[in-house]
Amino acid sequence: MNEISINMISANTRLEGKIFFDDVCRIHGTLIGEIHAAPGSTLILEETGVIEGNVYADTLMINGYIQGNVISSSKVLISASGRLIGSVKTPQLKLEPGAFFEGSCNMDQQIASIHPSDLT
């Protein structure tokens, strides 16, 4: 992986609004709003990371905290330190022992694209 293709939001950073990214994004800080990831991308929410808002991703790894709805066209992994409060729509969901998930899940195998209207 090329270093210039990795986005990183550091701890003690707070961003608000709509955020778009390609490739890989690691979040250690706080994001408030919507997050949109390009097809084939990976969003990694680290243990110190917080997202308050909806997430539209390809692959999503949750080690931190999300309060909002998630649509993933590939897979969602909630680790032992991960917390998710909201609905999930993904073809593949994995919860590690100790993970916290409060909400509903729709495991649709045919998610072809990610669009905000899918959460309504």
PDB file of N, CA and C in Angstrom:
ATOM      1  N   MET A   1       0.840  -1.168   0.000  1.00  0.00           N
ATOM      2  CA  MET A   1       0.000   0.000   0.000  1.00  0.00           C
ATOM      3  C   MET A   1       0.887   1.232   0.000  1.00  0.00           C
ATOM      4  N   ASN A   2       0.556   2.167  -0.826  1.00  0.00           N
ATOM      5  CA  ASN A   2       1.292   3.414  -0.948  1.00  0.00           C
ATOM      6  C   ASN A   2       0.920   4.348   0.200  1.00  0.00           C
ATOM      7  N   GLU A   3       1.922   4.887   0.883  1.00  0.00           N
ATOM      8  CA  GLU A   3       1.682   5.741   2.041  1.00  0.00           C
ATOM      9  C   GLU A   3       0.810   6.950   1.713  1.00  0.00           C
ATOM     10  N   ILE A   4       0.916   7.490   0.528  1.00  0.00           N
ATOM     11  CA  ILE A   4       0.124   8.677   0.202  1.00  0.00           C
ATOM     12  C   ILE A   4      -1.356   8.370  -0.021  1.00  0.00           C
ATOM     13  N   SER A   5      -1.730   7.100  -0.052  1.00  0.00           N
ATOM     14  CA  SER A   5      -3.133   6.754  -0.249  1.00  0.00           C
ATOM     15  C   SER A   5      -3.854   6.477   1.068  1.00  0.00           C
ATOM     16  N   ILE A   6      -3.164   6.639   2.205  1.00  0.00           N
ATOM     17  CA  ILE A   6      -3.777   6.405   3.509  1.00  0.00           C
ATOM     18  C   ILE A   6      -4.147   7.735   4.146  1.00  0.00           C
ATOM     19  N   ASN A   7      -5.410   7.886   4.507  1.00  0.00           N
ATOM     20  CA  ASN A   7      -5.882   9.065   5.231  1.00  0.00           C
ATOM     21  C   ASN A   7      -5.848   8.748   6.710  1.00  0.00           C
ATOM     22  N   MET A   8      -5.449   9.719   7.531  1.00  0.00           N
ATOM     23  CA  MET A   8      -5.453   9.498   8.963  1.00  0.00           C
ATOM     24  C   MET A   8      -5.995  10.738   9.664  1.00  0.00           C
ATOM     25  N   ILE A   9      -6.971  10.508  10.537  1.00  0.00           N
ATOM     26  CA  ILE A   9      -7.519  11.555  11.386  1.00  0.00           C
ATOM     27  C   ILE A   9      -6.970  11.253  12.775  1.00  0.00           C
ATOM     28  N   SER A  10      -6.110  12.119  13.284  1.00  0.00           N
ATOM     29  CA  SER A  10      -5.421  11.825  14.539  1.00  0.00           C
ATOM     30  C   SER A  10      -6.307  12.069  15.759  1.00  0.00           C
ATOM     31  N   ALA A  11      -5.880  11.507  16.897  1.00  0.00           N
ATOM     32  CA  ALA A  11      -6.569  11.716  18.168  1.00  0.00           C
ATOM     33  C   ALA A  11      -6.572  13.213  18.471  1.00  0.00           C
ATOM     34  N   ASN A  12      -7.552  13.648  19.221  1.00  0.00           N
ATOM     35  CA  ASN A  12      -7.736  15.056  19.588  1.00  0.00           C
ATOM     36  C   ASN A  12      -8.075  15.943  18.392  1.00  0.00           C
ATOM     37  N   THR A  13      -8.501  15.331  17.283  1.00  0.00           N
ATOM     38  CA  THR A  13      -8.971  16.070  16.117  1.00  0.00           C
ATOM     39  C   THR A  13     -10.470  15.851  16.001  1.00  0.00           C
ATOM     40  N   ARG A  14     -11.200  16.932  15.703  1.00  0.00           N
ATOM     41  CA  ARG A  14     -12.656  16.846  15.542  1.00  0.00           C
ATOM     42  C   ARG A  14     -13.015  17.472  14.206  1.00  0.00           C
ATOM     43  N   LEU A  15     -13.690  16.697  13.359  1.00  0.00           N
ATOM     44  CA  LEU A  15     -14.148  17.180  12.061  1.00  0.00           C
ATOM     45  C   LEU A  15     -15.663  17.054  12.005  1.00  0.00           C
ATOM     46  N   GLU A  16     -16.316  18.034  11.376  1.00  0.00           N
ATOM     47  CA  GLU A  16     -17.762  18.009  11.234  1.00  0.00           C
ATOM     48  C   GLU A  16     -18.137  18.234   9.779  1.00  0.00           C
ATOM     49  N   GLY A  17     -19.213  17.564   9.335  1.00  0.00           N
ATOM     50  CA  GLY A  17     -19.709  17.729   7.979  1.00  0.00           C
ATOM     51  C   GLY A  17     -19.702  16.419   7.219  1.00  0.00           C
ATOM     52  N   LYS A  18     -19.677  16.490   5.895  1.00  0.00           N
ATOM     53  CA  LYS A  18     -19.599  15.310   5.039  1.00  0.00           C
ATOM     54  C   LYS A  18     -18.136  15.066   4.706  1.00  0.00           C
ATOM     55  N   ILE A  19     -17.709  13.833   4.902  1.00  0.00           N
ATOM     56  CA  ILE A  19     -16.318  13.465   4.657  1.00  0.00           C
ATOM     57  C   ILE A  19     -16.292  12.369   3.609  1.00  0.00           C
ATOM     58  N   PHE A  20     -15.461  12.533   2.583  1.00  0.00           N
ATOM     59  CA  PHE A  20     -15.323  11.574   1.497  1.00  0.00           C
ATOM     60  C   PHE A  20     -13.871  11.109   1.447  1.00  0.00           C
ATOM     61  N   PHE A  21     -13.669   9.814   1.185  1.00  0.00           N
ATOM     62  CA  PHE A  21     -12.302   9.323   1.032  1.00  0.00           C
ATOM     63  C   PHE A  21     -12.252   8.109   0.116  1.00  0.00           C
ATOM     64  N   ASP A  22     -11.056   7.862  -0.424  1.00  0.00           N
ATOM     65  CA  ASP A  22     -10.750   6.677  -1.224  1.00  0.00           C
ATOM     66  C   ASP A  22      -9.736   5.838  -0.445  1.00  0.00           C
ATOM     67  N   ASP A  23      -9.526   4.630  -0.861  1.00  0.00           N
ATOM     68  CA  ASP A  23      -8.490   3.744  -0.321  1.00  0.00           C
ATOM     69  C   ASP A  23      -8.702   3.430   1.154  1.00  0.00           C
ATOM     70  N   VAL A  24      -7.752   3.818   2.027  1.00  0.00           N
ATOM     71  CA  VAL A  24      -7.784   3.465   3.446  1.00  0.00           C
ATOM     72  C   VAL A  24      -7.853   4.734   4.283  1.00  0.00           C
ATOM     73  N   CYS A  25      -8.712   4.701   5.306  1.00  0.00           N
ATOM     74  CA  CYS A  25      -8.804   5.820   6.241  1.00  0.00           C
ATOM     75  C   CYS A  25      -8.778   5.256   7.659  1.00  0.00           C
ATOM     76  N   ARG A  26      -7.855   5.775   8.473  1.00  0.00           N
ATOM     77  CA  ARG A  26      -7.766   5.417   9.894  1.00  0.00           C
ATOM     78  C   ARG A  26      -8.218   6.622  10.701  1.00  0.00           C
ATOM     79  N   ILE A  27      -9.174   6.383  11.594  1.00  0.00           N
ATOM     80  CA  ILE A  27      -9.720   7.472  12.397  1.00  0.00           C
ATOM     81  C   ILE A  27      -9.387   7.220  13.863  1.00  0.00           C
ATOM     82  N   HIS A  28      -8.637   8.149  14.440  1.00  0.00           N
ATOM     83  CA  HIS A  28      -8.318   8.126  15.869  1.00  0.00           C
ATOM     84  C   HIS A  28      -9.076   9.232  16.597  1.00  0.00           C
ATOM     85  N   GLY A  29      -9.599  10.209  15.852  1.00  0.00           N
ATOM     86  CA  GLY A  29     -10.280  11.363  16.414  1.00  0.00           C
ATOM     87  C   GLY A  29     -11.789  11.226  16.349  1.00  0.00           C
ATOM     88  N   THR A  30     -12.473  12.369  16.284  1.00  0.00           N
ATOM     89  CA  THR A  30     -13.935  12.418  16.294  1.00  0.00           C
ATOM     90  C   THR A  30     -14.450  12.992  14.983  1.00  0.00           C
ATOM     91  N   LEU A  31     -15.416  12.294  14.372  1.00  0.00           N
ATOM     92  CA  LEU A  31     -16.066  12.760  13.150  1.00  0.00           C
ATOM     93  C   LEU A  31     -17.563  12.877  13.425  1.00  0.00           C
ATOM     94  N   ILE A  32     -18.122  14.033  13.108  1.00  0.00           N
ATOM     95  CA  ILE A  32     -19.547  14.258  13.299  1.00  0.00           C
ATOM     96  C   ILE A  32     -20.138  14.628  11.950  1.00  0.00           C
ATOM     97  N   GLY A  33     -21.067  13.827  11.465  1.00  0.00           N
ATOM     98  CA  GLY A  33     -21.677  14.057  10.160  1.00  0.00           C
ATOM     99  C   GLY A  33     -21.755  12.761   9.379  1.00  0.00           C
ATOM    100  N   GLU A  34     -21.614  12.847   8.066  1.00  0.00           N
ATOM    101  CA  GLU A  34     -21.674  11.665   7.199  1.00  0.00           C
ATOM    102  C   GLU A  34     -20.283  11.331   6.694  1.00  0.00           C
ATOM    103  N   ILE A  35     -20.036  10.033   6.566  1.00  0.00           N
ATOM    104  CA  ILE A  35     -18.770   9.563   6.015  1.00  0.00           C
ATOM    105  C   ILE A  35     -19.082   8.706   4.801  1.00  0.00           C
ATOM    106  N   HIS A  36     -18.459   9.041   3.672  1.00  0.00           N
ATOM    107  CA  HIS A  36     -18.671   8.333   2.413  1.00  0.00           C
ATOM    108  C   HIS A  36     -17.335   7.784   1.924  1.00  0.00           C
ATOM    109  N   ALA A  37     -17.278   6.480   1.731  1.00  0.00           N
ATOM    110  CA  ALA A  37     -16.060   5.827   1.270  1.00  0.00           C
ATOM    111  C   ALA A  37     -16.262   5.299  -0.145  1.00  0.00           C
ATOM    112  N   ALA A  38     -15.231   5.387  -0.942  1.00  0.00           N
ATOM    113  CA  ALA A  38     -15.281   4.900  -2.317  1.00  0.00           C
ATOM    114  C   ALA A  38     -15.316   3.374  -2.346  1.00  0.00           C
ATOM    115  N   PRO A  39     -15.855   2.782  -3.405  1.00  0.00           N
ATOM    116  CA  PRO A  39     -15.817   1.325  -3.545  1.00  0.00           C
ATOM    117  C   PRO A  39     -14.383   0.808  -3.462  1.00  0.00           C
ATOM    118  N   GLY A  40     -14.197  -0.302  -2.780  1.00  0.00           N
ATOM    119  CA  GLY A  40     -12.877  -0.903  -2.622  1.00  0.00           C
ATOM    120  C   GLY A  40     -12.070  -0.313  -1.484  1.00  0.00           C
ATOM    121  N   SER A  41     -12.648   0.621  -0.744  1.00  0.00           N
ATOM    122  CA  SER A  41     -11.922   1.275   0.335  1.00  0.00           C
ATOM    123  C   SER A  41     -12.141   0.573   1.671  1.00  0.00           C
ATOM    124  N   THR A  42     -11.327   0.963   2.655  1.00  0.00           N
ATOM    125  CA  THR A  42     -11.428   0.416   4.011  1.00  0.00           C
ATOM    126  C   THR A  42     -11.414   1.561   5.000  1.00  0.00           C
ATOM    127  N   LEU A  43     -12.378   1.562   5.908  1.00  0.00           N
ATOM    128  CA  LEU A  43     -12.434   2.534   6.994  1.00  0.00           C
ATOM    129  C   LEU A  43     -12.123   1.794   8.280  1.00  0.00           C
ATOM    130  N   ILE A  44     -11.096   2.262   8.987  1.00  0.00           N
ATOM    131  CA  ILE A  44     -10.697   1.655  10.256  1.00  0.00           C
ATOM    132  C   ILE A  44     -10.906   2.687  11.350  1.00  0.00           C
ATOM    133  N   LEU A  45     -11.860   2.430  12.213  1.00  0.00           N
ATOM    134  CA  LEU A  45     -12.124   3.297  13.349  1.00  0.00           C
ATOM    135  C   LEU A  45     -11.347   2.738  14.534  1.00  0.00           C
ATOM    136  N   GLU A  46     -10.313   3.446  14.953  1.00  0.00           N
ATOM    137  CA  GLU A  46      -9.448   2.977  16.028  1.00  0.00           C
ATOM    138  C   GLU A  46     -10.122   3.145  17.388  1.00  0.00           C
ATOM    139  N   GLU A  47      -9.521   2.592  18.446  1.00  0.00           N
ATOM    140  CA  GLU A  47     -10.133   2.574  19.776  1.00  0.00           C
ATOM    141  C   GLU A  47     -10.472   3.960  20.293  1.00  0.00           C
ATOM    142  N   THR A  48      -9.684   4.960  19.962  1.00  0.00           N
ATOM    143  CA  THR A  48      -9.960   6.328  20.419  1.00  0.00           C
ATOM    144  C   THR A  48     -10.915   7.061  19.488  1.00  0.00           C
ATOM    145  N   GLY A  49     -11.290   6.428  18.381  1.00  0.00           N
ATOM    146  CA  GLY A  49     -12.125   7.067  17.368  1.00  0.00           C
ATOM    147  C   GLY A  49     -13.598   7.063  17.717  1.00  0.00           C
ATOM    148  N   VAL A  50     -14.268   8.154  17.348  1.00  0.00           N
ATOM    149  CA  VAL A  50     -15.702   8.312  17.573  1.00  0.00           C
ATOM    150  C   VAL A  50     -16.325   8.848  16.291  1.00  0.00           C
ATOM    151  N   ILE A  51     -17.431   8.233  15.876  1.00  0.00           N
ATOM    152  CA  ILE A  51     -18.219   8.738  14.753  1.00  0.00           C
ATOM    153  C   ILE A  51     -19.639   8.929  15.238  1.00  0.00           C
ATOM    154  N   GLU A  52     -20.157  10.143  15.045  1.00  0.00           N
ATOM    155  CA  GLU A  52     -21.555  10.440  15.332  1.00  0.00           C
ATOM    156  C   GLU A  52     -22.198  10.836  14.015  1.00  0.00           C
ATOM    157  N   GLY A  53     -22.826   9.875  13.372  1.00  0.00           N
ATOM    158  CA  GLY A  53     -23.444  10.107  12.071  1.00  0.00           C
ATOM    159  C   GLY A  53     -23.447   8.836  11.260  1.00  0.00           C
ATOM    160  N   ASN A  54     -23.958   8.925  10.053  1.00  0.00           N
ATOM    161  CA  ASN A  54     -24.081   7.758   9.191  1.00  0.00           C
ATOM    162  C   ASN A  54     -22.788   7.491   8.434  1.00  0.00           C
ATOM    163  N   VAL A  55     -22.535   6.199   8.214  1.00  0.00           N
ATOM    164  CA  VAL A  55     -21.314   5.767   7.532  1.00  0.00           C
ATOM    165  C   VAL A  55     -21.705   4.931   6.321  1.00  0.00           C
ATOM    166  N   TYR A  56     -21.143   5.276   5.157  1.00  0.00           N
ATOM    167  CA  TYR A  56     -21.345   4.532   3.920  1.00  0.00           C
ATOM    168  C   TYR A  56     -19.967   4.054   3.501  1.00  0.00           C
ATOM    169  N   ALA A  57     -19.695   2.766   3.641  1.00  0.00           N
ATOM    170  CA  ALA A  57     -18.347   2.247   3.429  1.00  0.00           C
ATOM    171  C   ALA A  57     -18.372   0.949   2.647  1.00  0.00           C
ATOM    172  N   ASP A  58     -17.205   0.542   2.179  1.00  0.00           N
ATOM    173  CA  ASP A  58     -17.051  -0.770   1.565  1.00  0.00           C
ATOM    174  C   ASP A  58     -16.726  -1.759   2.683  1.00  0.00           C
ATOM    175  N   THR A  59     -15.524  -1.668   3.241  1.00  0.00           N
ATOM    176  CA  THR A  59     -15.137  -2.472   4.390  1.00  0.00           C
ATOM    177  C   THR A  59     -14.995  -1.547   5.588  1.00  0.00           C
ATOM    178  N   LEU A  60     -15.594  -1.929   6.719  1.00  0.00           N
ATOM    179  CA  LEU A  60     -15.572  -1.113   7.925  1.00  0.00           C
ATOM    180  C   LEU A  60     -15.104  -1.961   9.096  1.00  0.00           C
ATOM    181  N   MET A  61     -14.052  -1.486   9.770  1.00  0.00           N
ATOM    182  CA  MET A  61     -13.537  -2.154  10.967  1.00  0.00           C
ATOM    183  C   MET A  61     -13.749  -1.204  12.138  1.00  0.00           C
ATOM    184  N   ILE A  62     -14.533  -1.646  13.129  1.00  0.00           N
ATOM    185  CA  ILE A  62     -14.891  -0.789  14.255  1.00  0.00           C
ATOM    186  C   ILE A  62     -14.166  -1.260  15.510  1.00  0.00           C
ATOM    187  N   ASN A  63     -13.206  -0.455  15.946  1.00  0.00           N
ATOM    188  CA  ASN A  63     -12.523  -0.682  17.217  1.00  0.00           C
ATOM    189  C   ASN A  63     -12.928   0.384  18.226  1.00  0.00           C
ATOM    190  N   GLY A  64     -13.555   1.456  17.752  1.00  0.00           N
ATOM    191  CA  GLY A  64     -13.994   2.576  18.573  1.00  0.00           C
ATOM    192  C   GLY A  64     -15.499   2.597  18.701  1.00  0.00           C
ATOM    193  N   TYR A  65     -16.089   3.807  18.617  1.00  0.00           N
ATOM    194  CA  TYR A  65     -17.509   4.001  18.890  1.00  0.00           C
ATOM    195  C   TYR A  65     -18.205   4.690  17.720  1.00  0.00           C
ATOM    196  N   ILE A  66     -19.322   4.103  17.279  1.00  0.00           N
ATOM    197  CA  ILE A  66     -20.169   4.734  16.258  1.00  0.00           C
ATOM    198  C   ILE A  66     -21.587   4.825  16.794  1.00  0.00           C
ATOM    199  N   GLN A  67     -22.147   6.037  16.693  1.00  0.00           N
ATOM    200  CA  GLN A  67     -23.571   6.220  16.934  1.00  0.00           C
ATOM    201  C   GLN A  67     -24.149   6.751  15.636  1.00  0.00           C
ATOM    202  N   GLY A  68     -24.786   5.871  14.902  1.00  0.00           N
ATOM    203  CA  GLY A  68     -25.340   6.210  13.601  1.00  0.00           C
ATOM    204  C   GLY A  68     -25.573   4.948  12.807  1.00  0.00           C
ATOM    205  N   ASN A  69     -26.129   5.099  11.635  1.00  0.00           N
ATOM    206  CA  ASN A  69     -26.431   3.957  10.781  1.00  0.00           C
ATOM    207  C   ASN A  69     -25.267   3.679   9.836  1.00  0.00           C
ATOM    208  N   VAL A  70     -25.100   2.402   9.495  1.00  0.00           N
ATOM    209  CA  VAL A  70     -23.980   1.959   8.666  1.00  0.00           C
ATOM    210  C   VAL A  70     -24.502   1.182   7.472  1.00  0.00           C
ATOM    211  N   ILE A  71     -23.996   1.528   6.291  1.00  0.00           N
ATOM    212  CA  ILE A  71     -24.207   0.701   5.104  1.00  0.00           C
ATOM    213  C   ILE A  71     -22.833   0.332   4.582  1.00  0.00           C
ATOM    214  N   SER A  72     -22.599  -0.953   4.451  1.00  0.00           N
ATOM    215  CA  SER A  72     -21.320  -1.453   3.964  1.00  0.00           C
ATOM    216  C   SER A  72     -21.580  -2.403   2.810  1.00  0.00           C
ATOM    217  N   SER A  73     -20.914  -2.172   1.681  1.00  0.00           N
ATOM    218  CA  SER A  73     -21.135  -3.035   0.520  1.00  0.00           C
ATOM    219  C   SER A  73     -20.318  -4.313   0.585  1.00  0.00           C
ATOM    220  N   SER A  74     -19.409  -4.435   1.539  1.00  0.00           N
ATOM    221  CA  SER A  74     -18.578  -5.627   1.648  1.00  0.00           C
ATOM    222  C   SER A  74     -18.733  -6.301   3.010  1.00  0.00           C
ATOM    223  N   LYS A  75     -18.162  -5.680   4.081  1.00  0.00           N
ATOM    224  CA  LYS A  75     -18.263  -6.305   5.400  1.00  0.00           C
ATOM    225  C   LYS A  75     -18.036  -5.296   6.513  1.00  0.00           C
ATOM    226  N   VAL A  76     -18.577  -5.646   7.684  1.00  0.00           N
ATOM    227  CA  VAL A  76     -18.401  -4.867   8.902  1.00  0.00           C
ATOM    228  C   VAL A  76     -17.848  -5.806   9.969  1.00  0.00           C
ATOM    229  N   LEU A  77     -16.788  -5.355  10.636  1.00  0.00           N
ATOM    230  CA  LEU A  77     -16.198  -6.102  11.742  1.00  0.00           C
ATOM    231  C   LEU A  77     -16.244  -5.212  12.972  1.00  0.00           C
ATOM    232  N   ILE A  78     -16.854  -5.700  14.045  1.00  0.00           N
ATOM    233  CA  ILE A  78     -16.849  -4.990  15.319  1.00  0.00           C
ATOM    234  C   ILE A  78     -15.955  -5.792  16.260  1.00  0.00           C
ATOM    235  N   SER A  79     -14.838  -5.176  16.652  1.00  0.00           N
ATOM    236  CA  SER A  79     -13.866  -5.862  17.499  1.00  0.00           C
ATOM    237  C   SER A  79     -14.330  -5.852  18.957  1.00  0.00           C
ATOM    238  N   ALA A  80     -13.542  -6.482  19.824  1.00  0.00           N
ATOM    239  CA  ALA A  80     -13.870  -6.553  21.247  1.00  0.00           C
ATOM    240  C   ALA A  80     -13.988  -5.180  21.882  1.00  0.00           C
ATOM    241  N   SER A  81     -13.256  -4.193  21.378  1.00  0.00           N
ATOM    242  CA  SER A  81     -13.333  -2.832  21.916  1.00  0.00           C
ATOM    243  C   SER A  81     -14.339  -1.971  21.168  1.00  0.00           C
ATOM    244  N   GLY A  82     -14.950  -2.511  20.110  1.00  0.00           N
ATOM    245  CA  GLY A  82     -15.861  -1.747  19.269  1.00  0.00           C
ATOM    246  C   GLY A  82     -17.257  -1.621  19.839  1.00  0.00           C
ATOM    247  N   ARG A  83     -17.879  -0.470  19.558  1.00  0.00           N
ATOM    248  CA  ARG A  83     -19.246  -0.189  19.993  1.00  0.00           C
ATOM    249  C   ARG A  83     -20.001   0.440  18.831  1.00  0.00           C
ATOM    250  N   LEU A  84     -21.178  -0.118  18.528  1.00  0.00           N
ATOM    251  CA  LEU A  84     -22.020   0.421  17.455  1.00  0.00           C
ATOM    252  C   LEU A  84     -23.454   0.508  17.949  1.00  0.00           C
ATOM    253  N   ILE A  85     -24.004   1.723  17.881  1.00  0.00           N
ATOM    254  CA  ILE A  85     -25.414   1.933  18.202  1.00  0.00           C
ATOM    255  C   ILE A  85     -26.058   2.490  16.941  1.00  0.00           C
ATOM    256  N   GLY A  86     -26.865   1.670  16.269  1.00  0.00           N
ATOM    257  CA  GLY A  86     -27.516   2.062  15.028  1.00  0.00           C
ATOM    258  C   GLY A  86     -27.760   0.853  14.154  1.00  0.00           C
ATOM    259  N   SER A  87     -28.408   1.060  13.039  1.00  0.00           N
ATOM    260  CA  SER A  87     -28.712  -0.044  12.129  1.00  0.00           C
ATOM    261  C   SER A  87     -27.530  -0.313  11.201  1.00  0.00           C
ATOM    262  N   VAL A  88     -27.450  -1.561  10.750  1.00  0.00           N
ATOM    263  CA  VAL A  88     -26.384  -1.987   9.839  1.00  0.00           C
ATOM    264  C   VAL A  88     -27.012  -2.685   8.651  1.00  0.00           C
ATOM    265  N   LYS A  89     -26.529  -2.337   7.465  1.00  0.00           N
ATOM    266  CA  LYS A  89     -26.916  -3.048   6.244  1.00  0.00           C
ATOM    267  C   LYS A  89     -25.617  -3.464   5.572  1.00  0.00           C
ATOM    268  N   THR A  90     -25.377  -4.768   5.500  1.00  0.00           N
ATOM    269  CA  THR A  90     -24.132  -5.293   4.953  1.00  0.00           C
ATOM    270  C   THR A  90     -24.326  -6.763   4.580  1.00  0.00           C
ATOM    271  N   PRO A  91     -23.561  -7.265   3.612  1.00  0.00           N
ATOM    272  CA  PRO A  91     -23.657  -8.695   3.319  1.00  0.00           C
ATOM    273  C   PRO A  91     -22.938  -9.559   4.352  1.00  0.00           C
ATOM    274  N   GLN A  92     -22.020  -8.960   5.130  1.00  0.00           N
ATOM    275  CA  GLN A  92     -21.232  -9.761   6.070  1.00  0.00           C
ATOM    276  C   GLN A  92     -20.973  -8.953   7.344  1.00  0.00           C
ATOM    277  N   LEU A  93     -21.370  -9.491   8.499  1.00  0.00           N
ATOM    278  CA  LEU A  93     -21.164  -8.845   9.790  1.00  0.00           C
ATOM    279  C   LEU A  93     -20.453  -9.820  10.714  1.00  0.00           C
ATOM    280  N   LYS A  94     -19.372  -9.347  11.337  1.00  0.00           N
ATOM    281  CA  LYS A  94     -18.632 -10.182  12.286  1.00  0.00           C
ATOM    282  C   LYS A  94     -18.508  -9.425  13.596  1.00  0.00           C
ATOM    283  N   LEU A  95     -18.924 -10.069  14.684  1.00  0.00           N
ATOM    284  CA  LEU A  95     -18.802  -9.507  16.020  1.00  0.00           C
ATOM    285  C   LEU A  95     -17.809 -10.359  16.802  1.00  0.00           C
ATOM    286  N   GLU A  96     -16.734  -9.745  17.271  1.00  0.00           N
ATOM    287  CA  GLU A  96     -15.783 -10.466  18.103  1.00  0.00           C
ATOM    288  C   GLU A  96     -16.316 -10.529  19.532  1.00  0.00           C
ATOM    289  N   PRO A  97     -15.895 -11.513  20.326  1.00  0.00           N
ATOM    290  CA  PRO A  97     -16.329 -11.571  21.728  1.00  0.00           C
ATOM    291  C   PRO A  97     -15.987 -10.257  22.441  1.00  0.00           C
ATOM    292  N   GLY A  98     -16.976  -9.696  23.124  1.00  0.00           N
ATOM    293  CA  GLY A  98     -16.798  -8.431  23.824  1.00  0.00           C
ATOM    294  C   GLY A  98     -17.320  -7.235  23.042  1.00  0.00           C
ATOM    295  N   ALA A  99     -17.607  -7.413  21.750  1.00  0.00           N
ATOM    296  CA  ALA A  99     -18.135  -6.321  20.932  1.00  0.00           C
ATOM    297  C   ALA A  99     -19.525  -5.930  21.424  1.00  0.00           C
ATOM    298  N   PHE A 100     -19.897  -4.657  21.207  1.00  0.00           N
ATOM    299  CA  PHE A 100     -21.217  -4.175  21.592  1.00  0.00           C
ATOM    300  C   PHE A 100     -21.938  -3.681  20.347  1.00  0.00           C
ATOM    301  N   PHE A 101     -23.155  -4.188  20.122  1.00  0.00           N
ATOM    302  CA  PHE A 101     -23.981  -3.768  18.990  1.00  0.00           C
ATOM    303  C   PHE A 101     -25.413  -3.640  19.472  1.00  0.00           C
ATOM    304  N   GLU A 102     -25.968  -2.434  19.321  1.00  0.00           N
ATOM    305  CA  GLU A 102     -27.359  -2.193  19.673  1.00  0.00           C
ATOM    306  C   GLU A 102     -28.040  -1.587  18.463  1.00  0.00           C
ATOM    307  N   GLY A 103     -28.959  -2.326  17.883  1.00  0.00           N
ATOM    308  CA  GLY A 103     -29.659  -1.847  16.696  1.00  0.00           C
ATOM    309  C   GLY A 103     -30.169  -3.007  15.879  1.00  0.00           C
ATOM    310  N   SER A 104     -30.421  -2.740  14.612  1.00  0.00           N
ATOM    311  CA  SER A 104     -30.915  -3.788  13.724  1.00  0.00           C
ATOM    312  C   SER A 104     -29.897  -4.058  12.635  1.00  0.00           C
ATOM    313  N   CYS A 105     -30.009  -5.247  12.040  1.00  0.00           N
ATOM    314  CA  CYS A 105     -29.075  -5.635  10.989  1.00  0.00           C
ATOM    315  C   CYS A 105     -29.841  -6.251   9.830  1.00  0.00           C
ATOM    316  N   ASN A 106     -29.499  -5.806   8.619  1.00  0.00           N
ATOM    317  CA  ASN A 106     -30.037  -6.375   7.400  1.00  0.00           C
ATOM    318  C   ASN A 106     -28.849  -6.889   6.608  1.00  0.00           C
ATOM    319  N   MET A 107     -28.727  -8.202   6.499  1.00  0.00           N
ATOM    320  CA  MET A 107     -27.588  -8.797   5.796  1.00  0.00           C
ATOM    321  C   MET A 107     -27.985  -9.094   4.357  1.00  0.00           C
ATOM    322  N   ASP A 108     -28.048  -8.039   3.577  1.00  0.00           N
ATOM    323  CA  ASP A 108     -28.417  -8.105   2.167  1.00  0.00           C
ATOM    324  C   ASP A 108     -27.185  -8.484   1.350  1.00  0.00           C
ATOM    325  N   GLN A 109     -27.231  -9.602   0.676  1.00  0.00           N
ATOM    326  CA  GLN A 109     -26.096 -10.071  -0.126  1.00  0.00           C
ATOM    327  C   GLN A 109     -25.938  -9.309  -1.428  1.00  0.00           C
ATOM    328  N   GLN A 110     -26.908  -8.497  -1.790  1.00  0.00           N
ATOM    329  CA  GLN A 110     -26.891  -7.822  -3.085  1.00  0.00           C
ATOM    330  C   GLN A 110     -26.708  -6.313  -2.973  1.00  0.00           C
ATOM    331  N   ILE A 111     -25.951  -5.843  -2.000  1.00  0.00           N
ATOM    332  CA  ILE A 111     -25.701  -4.408  -1.898  1.00  0.00           C
ATOM    333  C   ILE A 111     -24.717  -4.039  -2.996  1.00  0.00           C
ATOM    334  N   ALA A 112     -25.226  -3.395  -4.034  1.00  0.00           N
ATOM    335  CA  ALA A 112     -24.387  -3.066  -5.184  1.00  0.00           C
ATOM    336  C   ALA A 112     -23.734  -1.702  -5.038  1.00  0.00           C
ATOM    337  N   SER A 113     -24.416  -0.791  -4.383  1.00  0.00           N
ATOM    338  CA  SER A 113     -23.860   0.541  -4.219  1.00  0.00           C
ATOM    339  C   SER A 113     -24.293   1.097  -2.873  1.00  0.00           C
ATOM    340  N   ILE A 114     -23.614   2.139  -2.462  1.00  0.00           N
ATOM    341  CA  ILE A 114     -23.899   2.768  -1.185  1.00  0.00           C
ATOM    342  C   ILE A 114     -24.505   4.125  -1.460  1.00  0.00           C
ATOM    343  N   HIS A 115     -25.714   4.337  -0.970  1.00  0.00           N
ATOM    344  CA  HIS A 115     -26.387   5.603  -1.214  1.00  0.00           C
ATOM    345  C   HIS A 115     -27.128   6.019   0.047  1.00  0.00           C
ATOM    346  N   PRO A 116     -27.093   7.306   0.415  1.00  0.00           N
ATOM    347  CA  PRO A 116     -27.770   7.753   1.630  1.00  0.00           C
ATOM    348  C   PRO A 116     -29.244   7.393   1.716  1.00  0.00           C
ATOM    349  N   SER A 117     -29.943   7.318   0.608  1.00  0.00           N
ATOM    350  CA  SER A 117     -31.360   6.978   0.636  1.00  0.00           C
ATOM    351  C   SER A 117     -31.593   5.540   1.090  1.00  0.00           C
ATOM    352  N   ASP A 118     -30.537   4.710   1.086  1.00  0.00           N
ATOM    353  CA  ASP A 118     -30.668   3.326   1.534  1.00  0.00           C
ATOM    354  C   ASP A 118     -30.954   3.234   3.036  1.00  0.00           C
ATOM    355  N   LEU A 119     -30.678   4.280   3.777  1.00  0.00           N
ATOM    356  CA  LEU A 119     -30.889   4.256   5.224  1.00  0.00           C
ATOM    357  C   LEU A 119     -32.282   4.668   5.629  1.00  0.00           C
ATOM    358  N   THR A 120     -33.086   5.106   4.706  1.00  0.00           N
ATOM    359  CA  THR A 120     -34.427   5.544   5.057  1.00  0.00           C
ATOM    360  C   THR A 120     -35.407   4.407   5.029  1.00  0.00           C
TER     361      THR A 120
END
